[in-house]
Each structure stands twice: as C-alpha cells, then as structure tokens.
C-alpha cells in the first residue's frame, strides 16, 4: 500500500499544474468505487499541503459522491424495485424519511459507515437530492481535513526526520556520558 501511495504521489507531482485537475478525478473515482479514500486524501495533503489538499480532496469526493448517487438513482433504483418486494422498499424509504436530514448528516459523521456505500445506498432510497448534496458537503469536511492533513504531516515529519534522529542521538549520548561520569565519580 505504501508503494502505491508513493507511486500515485510521484505521478501526480510529475503532472505539474494538471495535478489540480487529475487529483480530484482520482478522488472521485475512489468515491465511486469501493476503495478506501484515505490514501488519495493523504497524497493530496503531501502534494498540495493541508489547505489546498483538503479542498482538492473535498471537491473530488463531492464529485464522486454525486456520480454514485445519480447512477444509483437512475439505474439502481429501478433494478431494486424489480428485485425486492414493494414493502421492503417502502420500509427503507420510511426509515430515510424518519431520519430526515439529521440522520443523513449523522451517517456522514460516522466513520463506521463507508463513504461509498452511503453514496450508493442514498441513491437507491428516497433521499431527496438536495439533502444528499448538502449533508455530504458538510459531513465530509472533517474527514477531508484530517486525512489530507495527515498526508501533509507525514511529509513534514519525514523532512525533519534527520533532525529528530540527531536530537534523539544527542540526548542518548548525553545520557550515556552522564551515567558513565557518575559511575566513575562514585568509585
């Protein structure tokens, strides 16, 4: 996984300004397909920094979420209606109606509910389009920021790693030196 993360990052970096177009499209593809979105979000953070990377991540996730929703609504809902009993579909729609926008927003904030699954499931139910859009827009902000900033944080940590290693080595040498000096003076 680390190698894939590194390869995607190098590829996007080589694109130059085009990376600002390609990165959201990669994020959108991840939002449509059942792949974890954390890795591309971290790549966005590593490449664009925490703020621009979060915007790139958010835009791509919104695009992918909307595409998933629309595909499920146009193609999936009719298929589900043919496969399931009407009562089953009515129960799912009733559950969505009772939950309203608070339920949808809460589902976005819950890390246990997969982002992609919620996108597709929402399109299969009677969730109003506008409710889906705005709850997704608000609900994915924390994750976009956290995962994107994590990617940026890794880069910062790696850039400072030599200094951290030198500081730790210096402290260890001082500790060993002081201990030896103390042992010699006690005899």
N, C-alpha and C. Protein backbone atom coordinates (compact mmCIF):
# COMPACT_ATOMS: atom_id res chain seq x y z
N UNK A 1 0.82 -1.19 0.00
CA UNK A 1 0.00 0.00 0.00
C UNK A 1 0.87 1.26 0.00
N UNK A 2 1.95 1.23 0.78
CA UNK A 2 2.85 2.39 0.84
C UNK A 2 3.45 2.68 -0.53
N UNK A 3 3.79 1.61 -1.26
CA UNK A 3 4.38 1.79 -2.57
C UNK A 3 3.38 2.42 -3.53
N UNK A 4 2.12 1.98 -3.48
CA UNK A 4 1.08 2.56 -4.31
C UNK A 4 0.91 4.03 -3.97
N UNK A 5 0.88 4.35 -2.68
CA UNK A 5 0.76 5.73 -2.19
C UNK A 5 1.89 6.58 -2.78
N UNK A 6 3.10 6.06 -2.71
CA UNK A 6 4.28 6.77 -3.21
C UNK A 6 4.20 6.94 -4.73
N UNK A 7 3.81 5.88 -5.46
CA UNK A 7 3.73 5.94 -6.92
C UNK A 7 2.68 6.94 -7.40
N UNK A 8 1.51 6.95 -6.74
CA UNK A 8 0.47 7.91 -7.12
C UNK A 8 0.96 9.33 -6.87
N UNK A 9 1.62 9.52 -5.75
CA UNK A 9 2.16 10.85 -5.43
C UNK A 9 3.18 11.32 -6.46
N UNK A 10 4.09 10.44 -6.84
CA UNK A 10 5.10 10.80 -7.85
C UNK A 10 4.43 11.12 -9.19
N UNK A 11 3.43 10.32 -9.54
CA UNK A 11 2.73 10.52 -10.81
C UNK A 11 2.02 11.87 -10.82
N UNK A 12 1.31 12.19 -9.73
CA UNK A 12 0.61 13.47 -9.65
C UNK A 12 1.59 14.64 -9.63
N UNK A 13 2.68 14.48 -8.93
CA UNK A 13 3.69 15.53 -8.86
C UNK A 13 4.27 15.83 -10.25
N UNK A 14 4.46 14.78 -11.04
CA UNK A 14 5.00 14.94 -12.39
C UNK A 14 4.03 15.67 -13.32
N UNK A 15 2.76 15.68 -12.98
CA UNK A 15 1.75 16.34 -13.82
C UNK A 15 1.80 17.86 -13.72
N UNK A 16 2.47 18.38 -12.70
CA UNK A 16 2.54 19.83 -12.52
C UNK A 16 1.17 20.41 -12.24
N UNK A 17 0.81 21.51 -12.91
CA UNK A 17 -0.49 22.14 -12.65
C UNK A 17 -1.69 21.24 -12.98
N UNK A 18 -1.49 20.28 -13.87
CA UNK A 18 -2.58 19.35 -14.21
C UNK A 18 -2.98 18.50 -13.01
N UNK A 19 -2.12 18.41 -12.04
CA UNK A 19 -2.43 17.62 -10.84
C UNK A 19 -3.66 18.17 -10.14
N UNK A 20 -3.92 19.49 -10.25
CA UNK A 20 -5.09 20.09 -9.62
C UNK A 20 -6.39 19.65 -10.30
N UNK A 21 -6.28 19.11 -11.48
CA UNK A 21 -7.46 18.56 -12.17
C UNK A 21 -7.52 17.05 -11.99
N UNK A 22 -6.37 16.39 -12.13
CA UNK A 22 -6.33 14.93 -12.04
C UNK A 22 -6.59 14.44 -10.62
N UNK A 23 -6.04 15.09 -9.62
CA UNK A 23 -6.20 14.63 -8.23
C UNK A 23 -7.67 14.57 -7.80
N UNK A 24 -8.48 15.58 -8.10
CA UNK A 24 -9.90 15.45 -7.75
C UNK A 24 -10.59 14.32 -8.53
N UNK A 25 -10.15 14.09 -9.77
CA UNK A 25 -10.74 13.00 -10.54
C UNK A 25 -10.38 11.64 -9.94
N UNK A 26 -9.14 11.52 -9.45
CA UNK A 26 -8.75 10.28 -8.76
C UNK A 26 -9.60 10.11 -7.50
N UNK A 27 -9.79 11.21 -6.78
CA UNK A 27 -10.62 11.17 -5.57
C UNK A 27 -12.05 10.79 -5.92
N UNK A 28 -12.56 11.32 -7.02
CA UNK A 28 -13.93 11.00 -7.46
C UNK A 28 -14.05 9.51 -7.79
N UNK A 29 -13.05 8.97 -8.47
CA UNK A 29 -13.08 7.55 -8.82
C UNK A 29 -13.09 6.69 -7.56
N UNK A 30 -12.33 7.09 -6.57
CA UNK A 30 -12.29 6.35 -5.30
C UNK A 30 -13.65 6.45 -4.60
N UNK A 31 -14.32 7.59 -4.74
CA UNK A 31 -15.63 7.77 -4.11
C UNK A 31 -16.71 6.94 -4.79
N UNK A 32 -16.51 6.63 -6.06
CA UNK A 32 -17.48 5.82 -6.81
C UNK A 32 -17.25 4.34 -6.58
N UNK A 33 -15.99 3.95 -6.56
CA UNK A 33 -15.63 2.54 -6.41
C UNK A 33 -15.39 2.22 -4.93
N UNK A 34 -15.50 0.96 -4.57
CA UNK A 34 -15.32 0.62 -3.15
C UNK A 34 -13.86 0.52 -2.72
N UNK A 35 -13.14 1.63 -2.80
CA UNK A 35 -11.75 1.70 -2.36
C UNK A 35 -11.66 2.71 -1.22
N UNK A 36 -10.76 2.50 -0.29
CA UNK A 36 -10.60 3.48 0.79
C UNK A 36 -10.11 4.82 0.25
N UNK A 37 -10.72 5.88 0.71
CA UNK A 37 -10.38 7.21 0.22
C UNK A 37 -9.24 7.85 1.00
N UNK A 38 -8.79 7.20 2.06
CA UNK A 38 -7.78 7.81 2.91
C UNK A 38 -6.45 8.00 2.18
N UNK A 39 -6.02 7.00 1.41
CA UNK A 39 -4.72 7.09 0.74
C UNK A 39 -4.66 8.25 -0.25
N UNK A 40 -5.63 8.39 -1.18
CA UNK A 40 -5.54 9.55 -2.07
C UNK A 40 -5.67 10.88 -1.34
N UNK A 41 -6.44 10.92 -0.26
CA UNK A 41 -6.54 12.16 0.52
C UNK A 41 -5.18 12.51 1.11
N UNK A 42 -4.48 11.50 1.61
CA UNK A 42 -3.15 11.74 2.17
C UNK A 42 -2.16 12.19 1.09
N UNK A 43 -2.28 11.60 -0.09
CA UNK A 43 -1.43 12.02 -1.22
C UNK A 43 -1.71 13.49 -1.53
N UNK A 44 -2.99 13.87 -1.54
CA UNK A 44 -3.34 15.27 -1.79
C UNK A 44 -2.70 16.19 -0.76
N UNK A 45 -2.70 15.76 0.50
CA UNK A 45 -2.05 16.56 1.54
C UNK A 45 -0.56 16.67 1.33
N UNK A 46 0.06 15.55 0.95
CA UNK A 46 1.51 15.55 0.73
C UNK A 46 1.89 16.44 -0.44
N UNK A 47 1.06 16.47 -1.48
CA UNK A 47 1.39 17.25 -2.68
C UNK A 47 0.99 18.72 -2.59
N UNK A 48 -0.19 18.98 -2.06
CA UNK A 48 -0.74 20.33 -2.12
C UNK A 48 -0.73 21.06 -0.79
N UNK A 49 -0.36 20.37 0.28
CA UNK A 49 -0.41 20.99 1.61
C UNK A 49 -1.78 20.76 2.24
N UNK A 50 -1.91 21.14 3.51
CA UNK A 50 -3.15 20.81 4.21
C UNK A 50 -4.38 21.57 3.70
N UNK A 51 -4.24 22.83 3.32
CA UNK A 51 -5.42 23.60 2.93
C UNK A 51 -5.83 23.33 1.50
N UNK A 52 -4.93 23.52 0.55
CA UNK A 52 -5.27 23.25 -0.85
C UNK A 52 -5.58 21.77 -1.03
N UNK A 53 -4.85 20.90 -0.34
CA UNK A 53 -5.09 19.46 -0.42
C UNK A 53 -6.47 19.08 0.09
N UNK A 54 -6.92 19.74 1.15
CA UNK A 54 -8.26 19.47 1.68
C UNK A 54 -9.34 19.90 0.69
N UNK A 55 -9.11 21.02 0.02
CA UNK A 55 -10.08 21.48 -0.98
C UNK A 55 -10.11 20.52 -2.16
N UNK A 56 -8.94 20.09 -2.62
CA UNK A 56 -8.87 19.12 -3.72
C UNK A 56 -9.58 17.82 -3.33
N UNK A 57 -9.31 17.35 -2.11
CA UNK A 57 -9.94 16.12 -1.62
C UNK A 57 -11.45 16.28 -1.54
N UNK A 58 -11.91 17.38 -0.97
CA UNK A 58 -13.34 17.63 -0.81
C UNK A 58 -14.04 17.71 -2.17
N UNK A 59 -13.44 18.44 -3.11
CA UNK A 59 -14.06 18.58 -4.44
C UNK A 59 -14.17 17.22 -5.14
N UNK A 60 -13.11 16.44 -5.10
CA UNK A 60 -13.14 15.13 -5.73
C UNK A 60 -14.14 14.19 -5.07
N UNK A 61 -14.19 14.23 -3.74
CA UNK A 61 -15.14 13.38 -3.02
C UNK A 61 -16.58 13.79 -3.32
N UNK A 62 -16.84 15.08 -3.41
CA UNK A 62 -18.19 15.55 -3.75
C UNK A 62 -18.58 15.11 -5.16
N UNK A 63 -17.67 15.23 -6.11
CA UNK A 63 -17.95 14.80 -7.48
C UNK A 63 -18.27 13.31 -7.52
N UNK A 64 -17.44 12.51 -6.89
CA UNK A 64 -17.65 11.06 -6.87
C UNK A 64 -18.93 10.68 -6.15
N UNK A 65 -19.23 11.36 -5.05
CA UNK A 65 -20.46 11.08 -4.31
C UNK A 65 -21.69 11.36 -5.17
N UNK A 66 -21.66 12.47 -5.87
CA UNK A 66 -22.80 12.84 -6.70
C UNK A 66 -22.97 11.87 -7.87
N UNK A 67 -21.87 11.46 -8.48
CA UNK A 67 -21.95 10.50 -9.58
C UNK A 67 -22.53 9.18 -9.07
N UNK A 68 -22.06 8.71 -7.92
CA UNK A 68 -22.57 7.46 -7.33
C UNK A 68 -24.06 7.57 -7.07
N UNK A 69 -24.46 8.67 -6.46
CA UNK A 69 -25.87 8.89 -6.14
C UNK A 69 -26.73 8.86 -7.40
N UNK A 70 -26.29 9.59 -8.42
CA UNK A 70 -27.08 9.67 -9.67
C UNK A 70 -27.15 8.32 -10.38
N UNK A 71 -26.04 7.59 -10.41
CA UNK A 71 -26.07 6.26 -11.04
C UNK A 71 -27.02 5.32 -10.29
N UNK A 72 -26.94 5.36 -8.96
CA UNK A 72 -27.83 4.50 -8.17
C UNK A 72 -29.28 4.91 -8.35
N UNK A 73 -29.54 6.20 -8.41
CA UNK A 73 -30.92 6.70 -8.55
C UNK A 73 -31.49 6.32 -9.92
N UNK A 74 -30.69 6.50 -10.97
CA UNK A 74 -31.20 6.27 -12.33
C UNK A 74 -31.20 4.80 -12.74
N UNK A 75 -30.15 4.07 -12.34
CA UNK A 75 -30.03 2.68 -12.78
C UNK A 75 -30.34 1.68 -11.67
N UNK A 76 -29.90 1.99 -10.47
CA UNK A 76 -30.04 1.05 -9.36
C UNK A 76 -31.45 0.97 -8.80
N UNK A 77 -32.09 2.10 -8.64
CA UNK A 77 -33.43 2.11 -8.06
C UNK A 77 -34.41 1.27 -8.88
N UNK A 78 -34.45 1.43 -10.20
CA UNK A 78 -35.36 0.57 -10.98
C UNK A 78 -35.03 -0.92 -10.84
N UNK A 79 -33.75 -1.25 -10.77
CA UNK A 79 -33.35 -2.65 -10.62
C UNK A 79 -33.80 -3.18 -9.26
N UNK A 80 -33.61 -2.38 -8.22
CA UNK A 80 -34.02 -2.78 -6.87
C UNK A 80 -35.53 -2.98 -6.82
N UNK A 81 -36.27 -2.09 -7.48
CA UNK A 81 -37.73 -2.21 -7.49
C UNK A 81 -38.19 -3.49 -8.16
N UNK A 82 -37.41 -3.98 -9.14
CA UNK A 82 -37.75 -5.25 -9.79
C UNK A 82 -37.36 -6.45 -8.93
N UNK A 83 -36.32 -6.32 -8.12
CA UNK A 83 -35.81 -7.44 -7.35
C UNK A 83 -36.46 -7.61 -5.97
N UNK A 84 -36.82 -6.51 -5.33
CA UNK A 84 -37.34 -6.58 -3.96
C UNK A 84 -38.85 -6.36 -3.94
N UNK A 85 -39.43 -6.84 -2.86
CA UNK A 85 -40.87 -6.61 -2.67
C UNK A 85 -41.11 -5.13 -2.41
N UNK A 86 -42.23 -4.60 -2.87
CA UNK A 86 -42.53 -3.18 -2.64
C UNK A 86 -42.51 -2.81 -1.16
N UNK A 87 -42.93 -3.71 -0.29
CA UNK A 87 -42.95 -3.42 1.15
C UNK A 87 -41.54 -3.18 1.69
N UNK A 88 -40.56 -3.92 1.20
CA UNK A 88 -39.17 -3.75 1.63
C UNK A 88 -38.67 -2.37 1.24
N UNK A 89 -38.96 -1.97 0.03
CA UNK A 89 -38.54 -0.65 -0.46
C UNK A 89 -39.24 0.45 0.33
N UNK A 90 -40.53 0.26 0.60
CA UNK A 90 -41.28 1.25 1.38
C UNK A 90 -40.69 1.42 2.77
N UNK A 91 -40.26 0.33 3.39
CA UNK A 91 -39.65 0.41 4.73
C UNK A 91 -38.35 1.20 4.70
N UNK A 92 -37.54 0.94 3.69
CA UNK A 92 -36.27 1.69 3.56
C UNK A 92 -36.54 3.17 3.36
N UNK A 93 -37.51 3.49 2.51
CA UNK A 93 -37.85 4.89 2.27
C UNK A 93 -38.42 5.55 3.52
N UNK A 94 -39.22 4.80 4.27
CA UNK A 94 -39.78 5.33 5.52
C UNK A 94 -38.66 5.60 6.53
N UNK A 95 -37.71 4.71 6.61
CA UNK A 95 -36.58 4.88 7.51
C UNK A 95 -35.82 6.17 7.16
N UNK A 96 -35.64 6.41 5.87
CA UNK A 96 -34.95 7.61 5.40
C UNK A 96 -35.77 8.85 5.74
N UNK A 97 -37.09 8.78 5.54
CA UNK A 97 -37.96 9.93 5.86
C UNK A 97 -37.92 10.24 7.36
N UNK A 98 -37.99 9.21 8.19
CA UNK A 98 -37.97 9.43 9.65
C UNK A 98 -36.64 10.01 10.11
N UNK A 99 -35.56 9.57 9.51
CA UNK A 99 -34.24 10.09 9.89
C UNK A 99 -34.04 11.53 9.47
N UNK A 100 -34.64 11.91 8.36
CA UNK A 100 -34.53 13.27 7.85
C UNK A 100 -33.08 13.69 7.63
N UNK A 101 -32.89 15.00 7.59
CA UNK A 101 -31.53 15.48 7.37
C UNK A 101 -30.61 15.20 8.55
N UNK A 102 -31.10 15.22 9.81
CA UNK A 102 -30.16 14.89 10.91
C UNK A 102 -29.60 13.47 10.79
N UNK A 103 -30.44 12.55 10.37
CA UNK A 103 -29.97 11.17 10.21
C UNK A 103 -28.93 11.05 9.12
N UNK A 104 -29.17 11.77 8.03
CA UNK A 104 -28.22 11.72 6.91
C UNK A 104 -26.88 12.36 7.30
N UNK A 105 -26.96 13.49 7.99
CA UNK A 105 -25.73 14.16 8.41
C UNK A 105 -24.97 13.32 9.43
N UNK A 106 -25.69 12.74 10.36
CA UNK A 106 -25.06 11.87 11.35
C UNK A 106 -24.38 10.68 10.68
N UNK A 107 -25.02 10.12 9.67
CA UNK A 107 -24.42 9.00 8.95
C UNK A 107 -23.10 9.42 8.29
N UNK A 108 -23.02 10.65 7.83
CA UNK A 108 -21.77 11.14 7.23
C UNK A 108 -20.66 11.29 8.26
N UNK A 109 -21.02 11.63 9.47
CA UNK A 109 -20.02 11.82 10.52
C UNK A 109 -19.54 10.50 11.12
N UNK A 110 -20.25 9.42 10.89
CA UNK A 110 -19.90 8.13 11.50
C UNK A 110 -18.85 7.42 10.65
N UNK A 111 -17.67 7.20 11.20
CA UNK A 111 -16.61 6.56 10.42
C UNK A 111 -16.88 5.08 10.13
N UNK A 112 -17.84 4.49 10.83
CA UNK A 112 -18.15 3.07 10.60
C UNK A 112 -18.96 2.86 9.33
N UNK A 113 -19.60 3.91 8.83
CA UNK A 113 -20.40 3.79 7.61
C UNK A 113 -19.51 4.20 6.44
N UNK A 114 -19.29 3.27 5.53
CA UNK A 114 -18.41 3.53 4.39
C UNK A 114 -18.98 4.65 3.52
N UNK A 115 -18.12 5.56 3.16
CA UNK A 115 -18.48 6.72 2.33
C UNK A 115 -19.16 6.27 1.04
N UNK A 116 -18.52 5.36 0.32
CA UNK A 116 -19.05 4.90 -0.96
C UNK A 116 -20.39 4.19 -0.80
N UNK A 117 -20.50 3.35 0.22
CA UNK A 117 -21.76 2.63 0.45
C UNK A 117 -22.91 3.60 0.72
N UNK A 118 -22.64 4.65 1.49
CA UNK A 118 -23.68 5.63 1.78
C UNK A 118 -24.09 6.39 0.52
N UNK A 119 -23.13 6.67 -0.35
CA UNK A 119 -23.45 7.36 -1.61
C UNK A 119 -24.43 6.52 -2.43
N UNK A 120 -24.09 5.25 -2.63
CA UNK A 120 -24.91 4.36 -3.45
C UNK A 120 -26.25 4.07 -2.79
N UNK A 121 -26.24 3.80 -1.49
CA UNK A 121 -27.48 3.49 -0.77
C UNK A 121 -28.44 4.68 -0.81
N UNK A 122 -27.90 5.88 -0.70
CA UNK A 122 -28.76 7.06 -0.74
C UNK A 122 -29.48 7.17 -2.08
N UNK A 123 -28.79 6.85 -3.15
CA UNK A 123 -29.42 6.89 -4.46
C UNK A 123 -30.49 5.83 -4.64
N UNK A 124 -30.36 4.74 -3.92
CA UNK A 124 -31.35 3.66 -4.02
C UNK A 124 -32.61 3.96 -3.21
N UNK A 125 -32.52 4.90 -2.27
CA UNK A 125 -33.68 5.23 -1.44
C UNK A 125 -34.31 6.53 -1.91
N UNK A 126 -35.25 7.02 -1.12
CA UNK A 126 -35.96 8.25 -1.48
C UNK A 126 -35.30 9.51 -0.93
N UNK A 127 -34.04 9.44 -0.55
CA UNK A 127 -33.36 10.63 -0.05
C UNK A 127 -33.46 11.73 -1.11
N UNK A 128 -33.98 12.89 -0.74
CA UNK A 128 -34.04 13.98 -1.72
C UNK A 128 -32.63 14.39 -2.15
N UNK A 129 -32.47 14.71 -3.40
CA UNK A 129 -31.17 15.05 -3.97
C UNK A 129 -30.49 16.18 -3.19
N UNK A 130 -31.22 17.26 -2.92
CA UNK A 130 -30.62 18.39 -2.24
C UNK A 130 -30.13 18.01 -0.84
N UNK A 131 -30.90 17.19 -0.13
CA UNK A 131 -30.48 16.74 1.20
C UNK A 131 -29.19 15.94 1.09
N UNK A 132 -29.11 15.07 0.09
CA UNK A 132 -27.89 14.28 -0.11
C UNK A 132 -26.70 15.20 -0.35
N UNK A 133 -26.88 16.19 -1.22
CA UNK A 133 -25.77 17.08 -1.58
C UNK A 133 -25.28 17.88 -0.37
N UNK A 134 -26.18 18.54 0.32
CA UNK A 134 -25.69 19.41 1.40
C UNK A 134 -25.19 18.64 2.60
N UNK A 135 -25.81 17.50 2.94
CA UNK A 135 -25.30 16.73 4.08
C UNK A 135 -23.95 16.10 3.75
N UNK A 136 -23.77 15.74 2.49
CA UNK A 136 -22.47 15.22 2.07
C UNK A 136 -21.43 16.33 2.13
N UNK A 137 -21.78 17.50 1.60
CA UNK A 137 -20.85 18.63 1.58
C UNK A 137 -20.37 19.00 2.97
N UNK A 138 -21.27 19.01 3.92
CA UNK A 138 -20.91 19.36 5.30
C UNK A 138 -20.27 18.18 6.02
N UNK A 139 -20.84 17.00 5.83
CA UNK A 139 -20.41 15.83 6.58
C UNK A 139 -19.03 15.29 6.25
N UNK A 140 -18.53 15.58 5.05
CA UNK A 140 -17.21 15.04 4.70
C UNK A 140 -16.06 16.00 5.02
N UNK A 141 -16.39 17.20 5.44
CA UNK A 141 -15.33 18.19 5.74
C UNK A 141 -14.35 17.68 6.79
N UNK A 142 -14.80 17.17 7.95
CA UNK A 142 -13.81 16.73 8.95
C UNK A 142 -12.87 15.65 8.43
N UNK A 143 -13.41 14.64 7.75
CA UNK A 143 -12.56 13.57 7.23
C UNK A 143 -11.59 14.08 6.18
N UNK A 144 -12.07 14.96 5.30
CA UNK A 144 -11.19 15.51 4.25
C UNK A 144 -10.02 16.25 4.89
N UNK A 145 -10.30 17.03 5.92
CA UNK A 145 -9.23 17.78 6.57
C UNK A 145 -8.27 16.86 7.31
N UNK A 146 -8.82 15.93 8.09
CA UNK A 146 -7.97 15.05 8.90
C UNK A 146 -7.06 14.19 8.04
N UNK A 147 -7.61 13.52 7.04
CA UNK A 147 -6.78 12.62 6.23
C UNK A 147 -5.81 13.38 5.34
N UNK A 148 -6.24 14.53 4.82
CA UNK A 148 -5.34 15.33 3.99
C UNK A 148 -4.21 15.90 4.84
N UNK A 149 -4.55 16.41 6.01
CA UNK A 149 -3.51 16.95 6.90
C UNK A 149 -2.56 15.84 7.35
N UNK A 150 -3.06 14.63 7.48
CA UNK A 150 -2.18 13.50 7.85
C UNK A 150 -1.11 13.29 6.79
N UNK A 151 -1.50 13.37 5.53
CA UNK A 151 -0.52 13.22 4.45
C UNK A 151 0.51 14.32 4.48
N UNK A 152 0.07 15.53 4.75
CA UNK A 152 1.00 16.65 4.86
C UNK A 152 1.90 16.45 6.07
N UNK A 153 1.33 15.97 7.18
CA UNK A 153 2.11 15.74 8.39
C UNK A 153 3.19 14.70 8.20
N UNK A 154 2.91 13.68 7.43
CA UNK A 154 3.92 12.66 7.14
C UNK A 154 5.09 13.28 6.40
N UNK A 155 4.79 14.12 5.42
CA UNK A 155 5.85 14.77 4.65
C UNK A 155 6.70 15.65 5.57
N UNK A 156 6.05 16.44 6.42
CA UNK A 156 6.77 17.32 7.34
C UNK A 156 7.65 16.49 8.28
N UNK A 157 7.09 15.41 8.80
CA UNK A 157 7.85 14.56 9.72
C UNK A 157 9.06 13.95 9.03
N UNK A 158 8.86 13.49 7.79
CA UNK A 158 9.99 12.89 7.05
C UNK A 158 11.05 13.92 6.72
N UNK A 159 10.63 15.15 6.44
CA UNK A 159 11.61 16.21 6.16
C UNK A 159 12.43 16.53 7.40
N UNK A 160 11.82 16.40 8.55
CA UNK A 160 12.50 16.73 9.81
C UNK A 160 13.13 15.51 10.46
N UNK A 161 12.94 14.36 9.87
CA UNK A 161 13.43 13.12 10.47
C UNK A 161 14.92 13.16 10.77
N UNK A 162 15.78 13.65 9.87
CA UNK A 162 17.20 13.69 10.22
C UNK A 162 17.47 14.52 11.48
N UNK A 163 16.78 15.65 11.64
CA UNK A 163 16.99 16.49 12.82
C UNK A 163 16.47 15.81 14.08
N UNK A 164 15.36 15.13 13.94
CA UNK A 164 14.81 14.40 15.09
C UNK A 164 15.78 13.29 15.48
N UNK A 165 16.30 12.57 14.50
CA UNK A 165 17.26 11.49 14.77
C UNK A 165 18.51 12.04 15.45
N UNK A 166 19.01 13.17 14.97
CA UNK A 166 20.19 13.80 15.58
C UNK A 166 19.88 14.21 17.02
N UNK A 167 18.72 14.79 17.25
CA UNK A 167 18.34 15.21 18.60
C UNK A 167 18.25 14.01 19.54
N UNK A 168 17.63 12.94 19.10
CA UNK A 168 17.50 11.73 19.92
C UNK A 168 18.88 11.13 20.20
N UNK A 169 19.71 11.06 19.17
CA UNK A 169 21.07 10.51 19.35
C UNK A 169 21.87 11.37 20.33
N UNK A 170 21.74 12.68 20.24
CA UNK A 170 22.46 13.59 21.14
C UNK A 170 22.00 13.38 22.58
N UNK A 171 20.71 13.29 22.78
CA UNK A 171 20.18 13.06 24.13
C UNK A 171 20.66 11.72 24.67
N UNK A 172 20.64 10.70 23.83
CA UNK A 172 21.10 9.38 24.27
C UNK A 172 22.59 9.41 24.64
N UNK A 173 23.41 10.06 23.81
CA UNK A 173 24.84 10.16 24.10
C UNK A 173 25.10 10.94 25.39
N UNK A 174 24.34 12.02 25.58
CA UNK A 174 24.47 12.78 26.82
C UNK A 174 24.10 11.93 28.03
N UNK A 175 23.01 11.19 27.92
CA UNK A 175 22.57 10.31 29.00
C UNK A 175 23.63 9.26 29.31
N UNK A 176 24.17 8.61 28.27
CA UNK A 176 25.20 7.59 28.47
C UNK A 176 26.45 8.22 29.07
N UNK A 177 26.84 9.38 28.55
CA UNK A 177 28.02 10.07 29.06
C UNK A 177 27.86 10.47 30.52
N UNK A 178 26.72 11.03 30.88
CA UNK A 178 26.46 11.41 32.26
C UNK A 178 26.44 10.20 33.18
N UNK A 179 25.90 9.11 32.72
CA UNK A 179 25.85 7.89 33.53
C UNK A 179 27.26 7.35 33.78
N UNK A 180 28.07 7.33 32.74
CA UNK A 180 29.46 6.86 32.90
C UNK A 180 30.23 7.78 33.83
N UNK A 181 30.05 9.08 33.65
CA UNK A 181 30.74 10.04 34.51
C UNK A 181 30.33 9.84 35.97
N UNK A 182 29.01 9.64 36.20
CA UNK A 182 28.52 9.40 37.55
C UNK A 182 29.09 8.10 38.15
N UNK A 183 29.15 7.05 37.34
CA UNK A 183 29.71 5.79 37.80
C UNK A 183 31.18 5.93 38.17
N UNK A 184 31.95 6.70 37.43
CA UNK A 184 33.37 6.90 37.72
C UNK A 184 33.58 7.71 38.97
N UNK A 185 32.73 8.72 39.18
CA UNK A 185 32.91 9.58 40.35
C UNK A 185 32.44 8.91 41.64
N UNK A 186 31.59 7.88 41.55
CA UNK A 186 31.12 7.18 42.73
C UNK A 186 32.15 6.20 43.28
N UNK A 187 33.09 5.77 42.49
CA UNK A 187 34.06 4.77 42.93
C UNK A 187 35.13 5.33 43.78
